C-alpha cells in the first residue's frame, strides 16, 4: 500500500508582539499522511508510530522530518538574533512619537542620565 502527503509544514517560530517586546512560540514540523486504506496520521520528528493500523510502514518520513529540522537556517531557529535591526528602528519611531518626559515613553533606567 502507498501513502499520500496531504500537508507538509516546516518547523518555525510564530512571533507575537506584546507590550515591550515579542514572544516566540515554537511550532515543530509535521506531515499529514493518508494511506490507501483511508487512515490519516499526523507525524512529527518526535512521533513514535511507525505504521498505519493496516500495517503499512512509513518510518522513513519521520527520519526525513528529523533531518529537515536539524538543517533549518539560523534565521528560523533563532529569529530573535536577526530582528535587532527591526527593534532598533521601532525604538527610533517610539522615541519620535513620544517626546522625552511623556508618560507613554519608555525611559531606559540603565542609561546614564547624569
C-alpha atoms as a PDB file:
ATOM      1  CA  UNK A   1       0.000   0.000   0.000  1.00  0.00           C
ATOM      2  CA  UNK A   2       1.091   3.560  -0.620  1.00  0.00           C
ATOM      3  CA  UNK A   3       0.589   6.810   1.246  1.00  0.00           C
ATOM      4  CA  UNK A   4      -0.146  10.335   0.065  1.00  0.00           C
ATOM      5  CA  UNK A   5       1.188  13.503   1.627  1.00  0.00           C
ATOM      6  CA  UNK A   6      -1.846  15.656   2.442  1.00  0.00           C
ATOM      7  CA  UNK A   7       0.026  18.511   4.144  1.00  0.00           C
ATOM      8  CA  UNK A   8       3.640  19.330   4.985  1.00  0.00           C
ATOM      9  CA  UNK A   9       4.512  22.176   7.365  1.00  0.00           C
ATOM     10  CA  UNK A  10       8.067  23.331   8.115  1.00  0.00           C
ATOM     11  CA  UNK A  11       9.180  23.999  11.686  1.00  0.00           C
ATOM     12  CA  UNK A  12       9.028  27.658  12.649  1.00  0.00           C
ATOM     13  CA  UNK A  13       8.610  30.204  15.385  1.00  0.00           C
ATOM     14  CA  UNK A  14       5.414  32.223  15.448  1.00  0.00           C
ATOM     15  CA  UNK A  15       6.198  35.750  16.623  1.00  0.00           C
ATOM     16  CA  UNK A  16       3.653  37.754  18.600  1.00  0.00           C
ATOM     17  CA  UNK A  17       4.080  41.391  19.511  1.00  0.00           C
ATOM     18  CA  UNK A  18       3.417  42.150  23.179  1.00  0.00           C
ATOM     19  CA  UNK A  19       3.933  45.354  25.156  1.00  0.00           C
ATOM     20  CA  UNK A  20       7.688  45.966  25.498  1.00  0.00           C
ATOM     21  CA  UNK A  21       8.726  43.005  23.401  1.00  0.00           C
ATOM     22  CA  UNK A  22       7.974  39.880  21.398  1.00  0.00           C
ATOM     23  CA  UNK A  23       7.015  36.313  22.273  1.00  0.00           C
ATOM     24  CA  UNK A  24       8.430  33.499  20.152  1.00  0.00           C
ATOM     25  CA  UNK A  25       6.302  30.318  20.092  1.00  0.00           C
ATOM     26  CA  UNK A  26       7.847  27.176  18.563  1.00  0.00           C
ATOM     27  CA  UNK A  27       5.780  25.099  16.130  1.00  0.00           C
ATOM     28  CA  UNK A  28       7.504  21.848  15.104  1.00  0.00           C
ATOM     29  CA  UNK A  29       7.425  20.482  11.573  1.00  0.00           C
ATOM     30  CA  UNK A  30       4.760  17.937  10.752  1.00  0.00           C
ATOM     31  CA  UNK A  31       3.430  15.892   7.861  1.00  0.00           C
ATOM     32  CA  UNK A  32      -0.139  14.653   7.400  1.00  0.00           C
ATOM     33  CA  UNK A  33      -0.156  11.337   5.543  1.00  0.00           C
ATOM     34  CA  UNK A  34      -3.072   9.341   4.169  1.00  0.00           C
ATOM     35  CA  UNK A  35      -2.839   5.622   3.493  1.00  0.00           C
ATOM     36  CA  UNK A  36      -4.677   3.876   0.654  1.00  0.00           C
ATOM     37  CA  UNK A  37      -6.876   2.368   3.381  1.00  0.00           C
ATOM     38  CA  UNK A  38      -8.168   5.914   4.151  1.00  0.00           C
ATOM     39  CA  UNK A  39      -6.450   6.345   7.526  1.00  0.00           C
ATOM     40  CA  UNK A  40      -4.783   9.746   8.130  1.00  0.00           C
ATOM     41  CA  UNK A  41      -1.909  10.312  10.547  1.00  0.00           C
ATOM     42  CA  UNK A  42      -0.004  13.410  11.644  1.00  0.00           C
ATOM     43  CA  UNK A  43       3.728  12.769  12.045  1.00  0.00           C
ATOM     44  CA  UNK A  44       6.303  14.963  13.771  1.00  0.00           C
ATOM     45  CA  UNK A  45      10.009  14.480  14.497  1.00  0.00           C
ATOM     46  CA  UNK A  46       9.051  13.004  17.870  1.00  0.00           C
ATOM     47  CA  UNK A  47       6.402  10.579  16.560  1.00  0.00           C
ATOM     48  CA  UNK A  48       6.805   7.018  17.791  1.00  0.00           C
ATOM     49  CA  UNK A  49       4.247   5.464  15.425  1.00  0.00           C
ATOM     50  CA  UNK A  50       5.930   3.680  12.510  1.00  0.00           C
ATOM     51  CA  UNK A  51       2.956   2.086  10.742  1.00  0.00           C
ATOM     52  CA  UNK A  52      -0.708   2.593   9.932  1.00  0.00           C
ATOM     53  CA  UNK A  53      -3.255   0.328  11.651  1.00  0.00           C
ATOM     54  CA  UNK A  54      -3.475  -1.607   8.351  1.00  0.00           C
ATOM     55  CA  UNK A  55       0.239  -2.460   8.663  1.00  0.00           C
ATOM     56  CA  UNK A  56       1.749  -0.100   6.052  1.00  0.00           C
ATOM     57  CA  UNK A  57       5.063   1.250   7.383  1.00  0.00           C
ATOM     58  CA  UNK A  58       6.299   4.834   6.989  1.00  0.00           C
ATOM     59  CA  UNK A  59       9.368   5.163   9.241  1.00  0.00           C
ATOM     60  CA  UNK A  60      11.321   6.999   6.531  1.00  0.00           C
ATOM     61  CA  UNK A  61       9.013  10.009   6.775  1.00  0.00           C
ATOM     62  CA  UNK A  62       9.859  10.539  10.446  1.00  0.00           C
ATOM     63  CA  UNK A  63      13.586  10.368   9.666  1.00  0.00           C
ATOM     64  CA  UNK A  64      13.108  12.957   6.909  1.00  0.00           C
ATOM     65  CA  UNK A  65      11.278  15.329   9.273  1.00  0.00           C
ATOM     66  CA  UNK A  66      14.077  14.999  11.854  1.00  0.00           C
ATOM     67  CA  UNK A  67      16.750  15.705   9.245  1.00  0.00           C
ATOM     68  CA  UNK A  68      14.907  18.774   7.955  1.00  0.00           C
ATOM     69  CA  UNK A  69      14.502  20.206  11.469  1.00  0.00           C
ATOM     70  CA  UNK A  70      18.232  19.799  12.120  1.00  0.00           C
ATOM     71  CA  UNK A  71      19.071  21.637   8.876  1.00  0.00           C
ATOM     72  CA  UNK A  72      16.867  24.690   9.445  1.00  0.00           C
ATOM     73  CA  UNK A  73      18.629  28.004   8.865  1.00  0.00           C
ATOM     74  CA  UNK A  74      19.641  30.023  11.911  1.00  0.00           C
ATOM     75  CA  UNK A  75      17.167  32.773  10.989  1.00  0.00           C
ATOM     76  CA  UNK A  76      14.321  30.272  11.582  1.00  0.00           C
ATOM     77  CA  UNK A  77      15.684  28.583  14.701  1.00  0.00           C
ATOM     78  CA  UNK A  78      16.859  31.796  16.406  1.00  0.00           C
ATOM     79  CA  UNK A  79      14.781  34.663  14.977  1.00  0.00           C
ATOM     80  CA  UNK A  80      15.494  36.912  17.961  1.00  0.00           C
ATOM     81  CA  UNK A  81      19.133  37.204  16.821  1.00  0.00           C
ATOM     82  CA  UNK A  82      18.006  38.542  13.449  1.00  0.00           C
ATOM     83  CA  UNK A  83      15.432  41.132  14.420  1.00  0.00           C
ATOM     84  CA  UNK A  84      17.753  43.510  16.300  1.00  0.00           C
ATOM     85  CA  UNK A  85      17.663  45.996  13.425  1.00  0.00           C
ATOM     86  CA  UNK A  86      13.859  45.994  13.400  1.00  0.00           C
ATOM     87  CA  UNK A  87      13.831  46.556  17.176  1.00  0.00           C
ATOM     88  CA  UNK A  88      16.249  49.484  16.817  1.00  0.00           C
ATOM     89  CA  UNK A  89      14.067  51.029  14.105  1.00  0.00           C
ATOM     90  CA  UNK A  90      10.981  50.609  16.299  1.00  0.00           C
ATOM     91  CA  UNK A  91      12.754  52.310  19.199  1.00  0.00           C
ATOM     92  CA  UNK A  92      13.537  55.317  16.980  1.00  0.00           C
ATOM     93  CA  UNK A  93       9.892  55.515  15.895  1.00  0.00           C
ATOM     94  CA  UNK A  94       8.732  55.237  19.520  1.00  0.00           C
ATOM     95  CA  UNK A  95      11.107  57.981  20.643  1.00  0.00           C
ATOM     96  CA  UNK A  96       9.910  60.244  17.827  1.00  0.00           C
ATOM     97  CA  UNK A  97       6.249  59.594  18.665  1.00  0.00           C
ATOM     98  CA  UNK A  98       6.605  60.162  22.419  1.00  0.00           C
ATOM     99  CA  UNK A  99       8.799  63.121  23.424  1.00  0.00           C
ATOM    100  CA  UNK A 100      11.049  62.941  26.462  1.00  0.00           C
ATOM    101  CA  UNK A 101       9.018  63.307  29.652  1.00  0.00           C
ATOM    102  CA  UNK A 102       5.856  61.810  28.093  1.00  0.00           C
ATOM    103  CA  UNK A 103       4.124  59.278  30.368  1.00  0.00           C
ATOM    104  CA  UNK A 104       3.906  56.938  27.348  1.00  0.00           C
ATOM    105  CA  UNK A 105       7.636  56.944  26.684  1.00  0.00           C
ATOM    106  CA  UNK A 106       9.757  54.040  27.863  1.00  0.00           C
ATOM    107  CA  UNK A 107      12.739  55.513  29.670  1.00  0.00           C
ATOM    108  CA  UNK A 108      15.816  53.338  29.860  1.00  0.00           C
ATOM    109  CA  UNK A 109      16.564  53.237  33.586  1.00  0.00           C
ATOM    110  CA  UNK A 110      20.017  51.759  32.899  1.00  0.00           C
ATOM    111  CA  UNK A 111      21.129  54.765  30.823  1.00  0.00           C
ATOM    112  CA  UNK A 112      23.389  57.353  32.422  1.00  0.00           C
ATOM    113  CA  UNK A 113      21.185  60.447  32.524  1.00  0.00           C
ATOM    114  CA  UNK A 114      23.542  62.498  34.662  1.00  0.00           C
END
